Amino acid sequence: MKLKKINNLFSFSETINHTLKQCMLEDKTIYCMGLGVLDPGGVFGSTVNLFKEKYLKDRFIEPPTSENGFTGVAIGMALNDLKIVISHQRVDFSLYSMDQVINSAAKWFYMFNGQKSVNITIRMVIGKGWGQGPTHSQSLHSLFAQIPGLKIVIPSGPKNVKGLLKASIDDPNPVIFLEHRWLYEMKEKVDLKKYSLPINKSKIITKGKDITIVTLSYLVFELEKIYHLLKNDFQIHIEVIDLVCASPNDYKIILNSAKKNNKILFIDIGHDRGSIMKDIFFKIFNSDIDIKKADLIAMPDSPVPTSRHIAKYFYPDSRIIIKKIFKMIGINKKFKLNQNYLNRNKDTPGDWFKGPF
């Protein structure tokens, strides 16, 4: 994939593609494996044409359809000093490989006293859309975060996917790298030079004095839009924090923001029960700071509906988020949202969204 430089704007998938190429040209021990990595669509465009590159063609492996089997092969390769990037076109398909990930990759460093580690980065596509229903739309970051030995990284746009992917590949231990399907065509200014971002550090996206909002993945983009609406139309200033990593968590930056604003709202892309946000919520409340109000917005504790007519009531949208902010701040105002905000009720982010193929 040749990147077309237009004001340094690159899509999420273009940036992943460029980063993989950059890392693999620099380090000949990196191999990429997964169903669809050689497909013309290239996992939402993220691996398209890379296997045609002169120095990369022998390092892209399209394995048989056996996630548990090829994950075991990847672990064996990693134990022989290779760095493996696995790609799953759905997080749901990765569940076949969980025995290898949980019982081997995550524990190896601890079981053998740090003498060997498993350097694998496991890319998984998460999130709603396109009528994918209960078995193809899940976001299982909170489930993975329960496993000691796994880092759970969740990029929120092209700008940070580049640095986070490089850092994940360089990390000597296993990293689950979760990419929301709605992000692939999102464009941002990206510096194409090699750089890493710390994978265990949250980031303040917008500064504000009225309420702290902690979110992740695609919702960071949504909250940036809401930030400008609230600031311009209602003089409400929200402080948005991108969680970045579901495990380990960067509690300090969240704690300091909550201490300043006294109100904190967590918004998750996963289900309410067992949400990683609840774990942070608990630790904030057990600190010595004074929190006046705190709340959580997450998906209901039921499988994702296939019907888009039902799904639009299933996912928290901009209207629900704004209403919650108003309630926590103590503002009783009616408001209308234009189509740019209301279209979040659909199961696609826009007409441009075509899926992976």
Protein backbone atom coordinates (compact mmCIF):
# COMPACT_ATOMS: atom_id res chain seq x y z
CA MET A 1 0.00 0.00 0.00
CA LYS A 2 1.50 3.31 -1.11
CA LEU A 3 0.46 6.13 1.17
CA LYS A 4 -0.90 9.21 -0.58
CA LYS A 5 0.34 12.17 1.38
CA ILE A 6 -2.44 14.77 1.59
CA ASN A 7 -1.63 17.19 4.40
CA ASN A 8 -0.17 14.20 6.27
CA LEU A 9 -3.67 12.72 6.61
CA PHE A 10 -3.69 8.93 6.77
CA SER A 11 -6.38 6.43 7.63
CA PHE A 12 -6.20 3.99 10.53
CA SER A 13 -5.70 1.02 8.19
CA GLU A 14 -3.07 2.85 6.10
CA THR A 15 -1.15 3.70 9.26
CA ILE A 16 -1.17 0.09 10.50
CA ASN A 17 -0.04 -1.05 7.05
CA HIS A 18 2.82 1.46 6.99
CA THR A 19 3.87 0.64 10.57
CA LEU A 20 3.98 -3.10 9.90
CA LYS A 21 6.09 -2.49 6.80
CA GLN A 22 8.39 -0.10 8.65
CA CYS A 23 8.90 -2.47 11.60
CA MET A 24 9.41 -5.54 9.42
CA LEU A 25 11.96 -3.86 7.15
CA GLU A 26 13.87 -2.72 10.21
CA ASP A 27 13.69 -6.07 12.05
CA LYS A 28 13.95 -9.31 10.10
CA THR A 29 12.77 -11.37 13.06
CA ILE A 30 9.18 -10.06 12.71
CA TYR A 31 6.65 -12.39 11.07
CA CYS A 32 2.95 -11.73 10.39
CA MET A 33 0.43 -14.58 10.55
CA GLY A 34 -3.33 -14.86 10.31
CA LEU A 35 -6.39 -15.63 8.24
CA GLY A 36 -6.76 -12.92 5.60
CA VAL A 37 -3.26 -11.43 5.74
CA LEU A 38 -2.73 -12.49 2.09
CA ASP A 39 -6.31 -11.68 1.06
CA PRO A 40 -6.77 -8.84 -1.49
CA GLY A 41 -8.68 -6.96 1.22
CA GLY A 42 -5.84 -7.50 3.68
CA VAL A 43 -7.74 -7.37 7.01
CA PHE A 44 -9.51 -4.05 6.42
CA GLY A 45 -6.55 -2.94 4.27
CA SER A 46 -4.06 -3.21 7.12
CA THR A 47 -1.93 -5.92 5.46
CA VAL A 48 -2.84 -5.35 1.81
CA ASN A 49 0.06 -5.86 -0.63
CA LEU A 50 2.68 -6.15 2.11
CA PHE A 51 3.43 -9.76 1.14
CA LYS A 52 4.39 -8.48 -2.33
CA GLU A 53 7.27 -6.45 -0.93
CA LYS A 54 10.65 -7.91 -1.91
CA TYR A 55 11.97 -8.30 1.63
CA LEU A 56 8.67 -9.23 3.26
CA LYS A 57 7.01 -11.83 1.05
CA ASP A 58 8.43 -14.81 2.96
CA ARG A 59 7.38 -13.42 6.34
CA PHE A 60 3.60 -13.30 5.79
CA ILE A 61 1.95 -16.61 6.64
CA GLU A 62 -1.65 -17.52 5.79
CA PRO A 63 -2.23 -20.57 8.05
CA PRO A 64 -4.99 -23.19 7.88
CA THR A 65 -8.23 -22.26 9.62
CA SER A 66 -7.20 -23.41 13.07
CA GLU A 67 -6.76 -20.48 15.44
CA ASN A 68 -5.65 -22.69 18.33
CA GLY A 69 -3.18 -24.50 16.11
CA PHE A 70 -1.49 -21.53 14.49
CA THR A 71 -1.36 -19.63 17.78
CA GLY A 72 0.59 -22.57 19.20
CA VAL A 73 2.93 -22.38 16.20
CA ALA A 74 3.33 -18.62 16.79
CA ILE A 75 4.23 -19.21 20.45
CA GLY A 76 6.84 -21.78 19.39
CA MET A 77 8.30 -19.29 16.89
CA ALA A 78 8.40 -16.59 19.58
CA LEU A 79 10.23 -18.92 21.95
CA ASN A 80 12.84 -19.27 19.21
CA ASP A 81 13.56 -15.53 19.30
CA LEU A 82 11.12 -14.36 16.61
CA LYS A 83 8.54 -11.61 16.98
CA ILE A 84 5.10 -12.66 15.77
CA VAL A 85 2.15 -10.45 14.83
CA ILE A 86 -1.10 -12.45 14.67
CA SER A 87 -4.14 -10.93 12.96
CA HIS A 88 -7.74 -12.00 13.63
CA GLN A 89 -10.49 -10.48 11.47
CA ARG A 90 -12.86 -10.74 14.45
CA VAL A 91 -12.12 -10.91 18.16
CA ASP A 92 -14.75 -13.65 18.26
CA PHE A 93 -12.60 -15.97 16.10
CA SER A 94 -9.69 -15.59 18.50
CA LEU A 95 -11.65 -17.40 21.20
CA TYR A 96 -10.62 -20.70 19.62
CA SER A 97 -7.03 -19.86 20.59
CA MET A 98 -7.60 -18.86 24.21
CA ASP A 99 -6.08 -22.03 25.66
CA GLN A 100 -2.78 -21.15 23.94
CA VAL A 101 -2.98 -17.46 24.86
CA ILE A 102 -4.07 -17.84 28.51
CA ASN A 103 -2.32 -21.04 29.54
CA SER A 104 0.90 -20.72 27.54
CA ALA A 105 1.72 -17.24 26.22
CA ALA A 106 0.56 -15.25 29.26
CA LYS A 107 2.22 -17.50 31.82
CA TRP A 108 5.50 -18.50 30.19
CA PHE A 109 7.59 -15.62 31.56
CA TYR A 110 6.43 -16.36 35.12
CA MET A 111 6.60 -20.16 34.94
CA PHE A 112 10.23 -20.13 33.79
CA ASN A 113 11.50 -17.36 36.05
CA GLY A 114 11.81 -14.78 33.26
CA GLN A 115 14.33 -16.82 31.30
CA LYS A 116 12.09 -16.81 28.22
CA SER A 117 9.16 -14.68 27.15
CA VAL A 118 6.61 -14.97 24.35
CA ASN A 119 6.87 -11.97 22.02
CA ILE A 120 3.55 -12.03 20.20
CA THR A 121 1.22 -9.17 19.32
CA ILE A 122 -2.32 -10.40 18.71
CA ARG A 123 -4.37 -8.00 16.59
CA MET A 124 -8.13 -8.43 16.96
CA VAL A 125 -10.97 -6.53 15.28
CA ILE A 126 -13.66 -5.49 17.75
CA GLY A 127 -16.86 -3.48 17.74
CA LYS A 128 -20.31 -3.17 16.31
CA GLY A 129 -21.65 -2.57 12.87
CA TRP A 130 -22.88 -4.00 9.63
CA GLY A 131 -25.47 -6.28 11.22
CA GLN A 132 -22.78 -8.58 12.63
CA GLY A 133 -24.87 -9.60 15.60
CA PRO A 134 -24.01 -11.39 18.85
CA THR A 135 -21.06 -13.51 17.66
CA HIS A 136 -19.20 -10.99 15.47
CA SER A 137 -19.52 -7.66 17.30
CA GLN A 138 -18.00 -8.19 20.72
CA SER A 139 -15.43 -6.08 22.55
CA LEU A 140 -13.80 -8.42 25.05
CA HIS A 141 -11.08 -6.20 26.52
CA SER A 142 -12.40 -6.58 30.06
CA LEU A 143 -12.31 -10.37 29.75
CA PHE A 144 -8.70 -10.36 28.54
CA ALA A 145 -7.73 -7.86 31.25
CA GLN A 146 -8.51 -10.54 33.85
CA ILE A 147 -5.45 -12.53 32.74
CA PRO A 148 -2.10 -11.73 34.42
CA GLY A 149 0.71 -11.62 31.90
CA LEU A 150 -1.31 -10.04 29.08
CA LYS A 151 -1.16 -6.37 28.14
CA ILE A 152 -4.39 -5.11 26.55
CA VAL A 153 -3.78 -2.16 24.21
CA ILE A 154 -6.68 -0.29 22.57
CA PRO A 155 -5.73 2.43 20.03
CA SER A 156 -8.23 5.23 19.37
CA GLY A 157 -7.05 6.61 16.02
CA PRO A 158 -4.32 6.72 13.35
CA LYS A 159 -2.09 8.98 15.40
CA ASN A 160 -1.70 6.63 18.33
CA VAL A 161 -2.10 3.31 16.51
CA LYS A 162 1.31 3.85 14.92
CA GLY A 163 3.27 4.36 18.14
CA LEU A 164 1.25 1.78 20.09
CA LEU A 165 1.65 -0.93 17.45
CA LYS A 166 5.42 -0.45 17.28
CA ALA A 167 5.68 -0.50 21.09
CA SER A 168 3.55 -3.66 21.24
CA ILE A 169 5.70 -5.46 18.67
CA ASP A 170 8.84 -4.44 20.59
CA ASP A 171 7.41 -5.59 23.93
CA PRO A 172 8.97 -8.94 24.91
CA ASN A 173 5.71 -10.29 26.36
CA PRO A 174 2.29 -10.97 24.79
CA VAL A 175 0.09 -8.02 23.86
CA ILE A 176 -3.58 -8.13 22.86
CA PHE A 177 -4.06 -5.28 20.36
CA LEU A 178 -7.74 -4.38 19.87
CA GLU A 179 -8.79 -2.39 16.79
CA HIS A 180 -12.35 -1.06 16.50
CA ARG A 181 -13.91 -1.74 13.11
CA TRP A 182 -15.30 1.83 12.89
CA LEU A 183 -11.80 3.32 13.01
CA TYR A 184 -10.30 1.86 9.84
CA GLU A 185 -11.25 4.73 7.52
CA MET A 186 -10.78 7.47 10.11
CA LYS A 187 -8.06 9.93 9.02
CA GLU A 188 -5.66 12.00 11.12
CA LYS A 189 -2.34 13.73 10.68
CA VAL A 190 0.34 11.10 11.23
CA ASP A 191 4.10 11.48 11.47
CA LEU A 192 5.50 8.64 9.37
CA LYS A 193 8.81 8.58 11.20
CA LYS A 194 9.46 5.64 13.51
CA TYR A 195 8.25 6.25 17.05
CA SER A 196 6.80 4.36 19.99
CA LEU A 197 4.18 5.39 22.52
CA PRO A 198 4.06 3.97 26.06
CA ILE A 199 1.40 1.26 26.08
CA ASN A 200 0.62 1.64 29.78
CA LYS A 201 -0.09 5.39 29.80
CA SER A 202 -3.51 7.00 29.48
CA LYS A 203 -3.75 10.36 27.73
CA ILE A 204 -5.76 13.53 28.35
CA ILE A 205 -7.42 14.31 25.00
CA THR A 206 -9.29 17.48 26.00
CA LYS A 207 -8.90 19.52 29.16
CA GLY A 208 -11.90 20.66 31.15
CA LYS A 209 -12.98 21.80 34.61
CA ASP A 210 -16.54 20.50 34.89
CA ILE A 211 -16.31 16.71 34.70
CA THR A 212 -13.77 13.97 33.93
CA ILE A 213 -14.77 11.37 31.33
CA VAL A 214 -12.73 8.19 30.90
CA THR A 215 -13.31 6.24 27.71
CA LEU A 216 -11.46 4.23 25.07
CA SER A 217 -11.24 3.14 21.44
CA TYR A 218 -13.77 4.61 19.00
CA LEU A 219 -15.58 6.51 21.76
CA VAL A 220 -12.60 8.85 22.14
CA PHE A 221 -13.46 10.22 18.69
CA GLU A 222 -17.12 10.53 19.69
CA LEU A 223 -16.25 12.35 22.91
CA GLU A 224 -14.10 14.85 21.03
CA LYS A 225 -17.16 15.79 18.98
CA ILE A 226 -19.31 16.05 22.11
CA TYR A 227 -16.60 18.18 23.74
CA HIS A 228 -16.91 20.86 21.05
CA LEU A 229 -20.72 20.77 21.13
CA LEU A 230 -20.87 21.16 24.92
CA LYS A 231 -18.21 23.85 24.96
CA ASN A 232 -19.73 25.96 22.18
CA ASP A 233 -23.45 25.54 22.91
CA PHE A 234 -23.59 25.02 26.67
CA GLN A 235 -20.28 26.34 28.06
CA ILE A 236 -19.60 22.95 29.61
CA HIS A 237 -15.95 21.90 29.64
CA ILE A 238 -15.35 18.15 29.82
CA GLU A 239 -11.96 16.54 30.40
CA VAL A 240 -11.67 13.45 28.19
CA ILE A 241 -9.14 10.74 29.04
CA ASP A 242 -8.25 8.00 26.58
CA LEU A 243 -7.64 4.86 28.66
CA VAL A 244 -5.28 3.46 25.93
CA CYS A 245 -4.48 0.28 27.87
CA ALA A 246 -7.07 -1.87 29.65
CA SER A 247 -4.26 -3.69 31.46
CA PRO A 248 -2.18 -2.38 33.09
CA ASN A 249 -4.08 0.80 33.94
CA ASP A 250 -2.70 4.28 34.38
CA TYR A 251 -4.60 5.17 37.56
CA LYS A 252 -2.53 8.24 38.42
CA ILE A 253 -3.65 10.41 35.51
CA ILE A 254 -7.30 9.44 36.11
CA LEU A 255 -7.00 10.00 39.85
CA ASN A 256 -5.50 13.47 39.40
CA SER A 257 -8.21 14.51 36.96
CA ALA A 258 -10.99 13.19 39.21
CA LYS A 259 -9.45 15.00 42.17
CA LYS A 260 -9.53 18.26 40.22
CA ASN A 261 -13.08 17.95 38.86
CA ASN A 262 -14.81 15.96 41.67
CA LYS A 263 -17.05 14.29 39.07
CA ILE A 264 -16.11 11.31 36.90
CA LEU A 265 -17.98 9.42 34.20
CA PHE A 266 -16.72 6.14 32.72
CA ILE A 267 -17.92 5.14 29.24
CA ASP A 268 -17.11 1.62 28.04
CA ILE A 269 -17.50 -0.06 24.63
CA GLY A 270 -18.16 -3.38 26.38
CA HIS A 271 -20.83 -4.77 28.67
CA ASP A 272 -21.66 -3.36 32.09
CA ARG A 273 -21.00 -6.57 34.06
CA GLY A 274 -17.30 -7.07 34.72
CA SER A 275 -16.32 -3.86 32.94
CA ILE A 276 -12.67 -2.86 33.37
CA MET A 277 -14.03 0.62 34.04
CA LYS A 278 -15.67 -0.71 37.22
CA ASP A 279 -12.28 -1.84 38.46
CA ILE A 280 -10.90 1.68 38.01
CA PHE A 281 -14.13 3.09 39.49
CA PHE A 282 -13.57 0.97 42.64
CA LYS A 283 -9.95 2.08 43.04
CA ILE A 284 -10.86 5.76 42.60
CA PHE A 285 -13.51 5.43 45.31
CA ASN A 286 -11.07 3.71 47.64
CA SER A 287 -8.63 6.60 47.31
CA ASP A 288 -8.60 9.55 49.67
CA ILE A 289 -10.03 12.07 47.18
CA ASP A 290 -13.49 13.60 47.43
CA ILE A 291 -15.72 12.48 44.56
CA LYS A 292 -19.13 14.15 44.48
CA LYS A 293 -20.57 12.14 41.60
CA ALA A 294 -19.47 9.12 39.58
CA ASP A 295 -21.23 6.93 37.04
CA LEU A 296 -20.73 4.37 34.29
CA ILE A 297 -22.24 4.05 30.81
CA ALA A 298 -21.79 0.65 29.16
CA MET A 299 -23.68 -1.83 27.00
CA PRO A 300 -26.50 -3.91 28.52
CA ASP A 301 -25.70 -7.36 29.89
CA SER A 302 -27.17 -9.22 26.94
CA PRO A 303 -25.82 -10.36 23.56
CA VAL A 304 -25.61 -7.80 20.77
CA PRO A 305 -28.79 -7.86 18.61
CA THR A 306 -28.44 -8.52 14.89
CA SER A 307 -31.30 -6.24 13.85
CA ARG A 308 -30.14 -2.66 13.38
CA HIS A 309 -33.59 -1.49 14.48
CA ILE A 310 -32.96 -3.05 17.89
CA ALA A 311 -29.22 -2.36 17.93
CA LYS A 312 -29.81 1.40 17.80
CA TYR A 313 -31.31 1.16 21.30
CA PHE A 314 -28.57 -1.20 22.51
CA TYR A 315 -25.49 1.01 22.11
CA PRO A 316 -25.00 4.20 24.14
CA ASP A 317 -25.14 7.14 21.73
CA SER A 318 -24.31 10.85 21.91
CA ARG A 319 -27.76 11.75 23.26
CA ILE A 320 -27.46 9.33 26.19
CA ILE A 321 -23.94 10.55 26.99
CA ILE A 322 -24.94 14.24 26.94
CA LYS A 323 -28.01 13.57 29.11
CA LYS A 324 -25.82 11.79 31.64
CA ILE A 325 -23.33 14.69 31.68
CA PHE A 326 -26.16 17.19 32.23
CA LYS A 327 -27.55 15.12 35.10
CA MET A 328 -24.17 14.78 36.82
CA ILE A 329 -23.43 18.49 36.51
CA GLY A 330 -26.95 19.44 37.63
CA ILE A 331 -28.20 21.08 34.45
CA ASN A 332 -31.81 20.69 33.32
CA LYS A 333 -31.84 21.67 29.67
CA LYS A 334 -33.51 20.35 26.54
CA PHE A 335 -31.32 19.99 23.50
CA LYS A 336 -31.46 18.82 19.92
CA LEU A 337 -28.70 16.98 18.10
CA ASN A 338 -28.11 17.41 14.39
CA GLN A 339 -27.62 14.46 12.04
CA ASN A 340 -23.84 14.40 12.61
CA TYR A 341 -24.55 13.18 16.13
CA LEU A 342 -27.72 11.19 15.57
CA ASN A 343 -26.21 8.90 12.93
CA ARG A 344 -24.44 7.03 15.71
CA ASN A 345 -27.72 5.14 16.09
CA LYS A 346 -26.94 3.36 12.84
CA ASP A 347 -24.80 0.25 12.81
CA THR A 348 -22.30 1.85 10.44
CA PRO A 349 -20.39 5.12 10.99
CA GLY A 350 -21.14 6.37 7.45
CA ASP A 351 -21.79 5.44 3.84
CA TRP A 352 -18.05 4.94 3.31
CA PHE A 353 -18.03 1.89 5.61
CA LYS A 354 -17.80 -1.26 3.49
CA GLY A 355 -16.42 -3.84 5.90
CA PRO A 356 -13.24 -5.91 5.52
CA PHE A 357 -13.81 -7.38 2.06
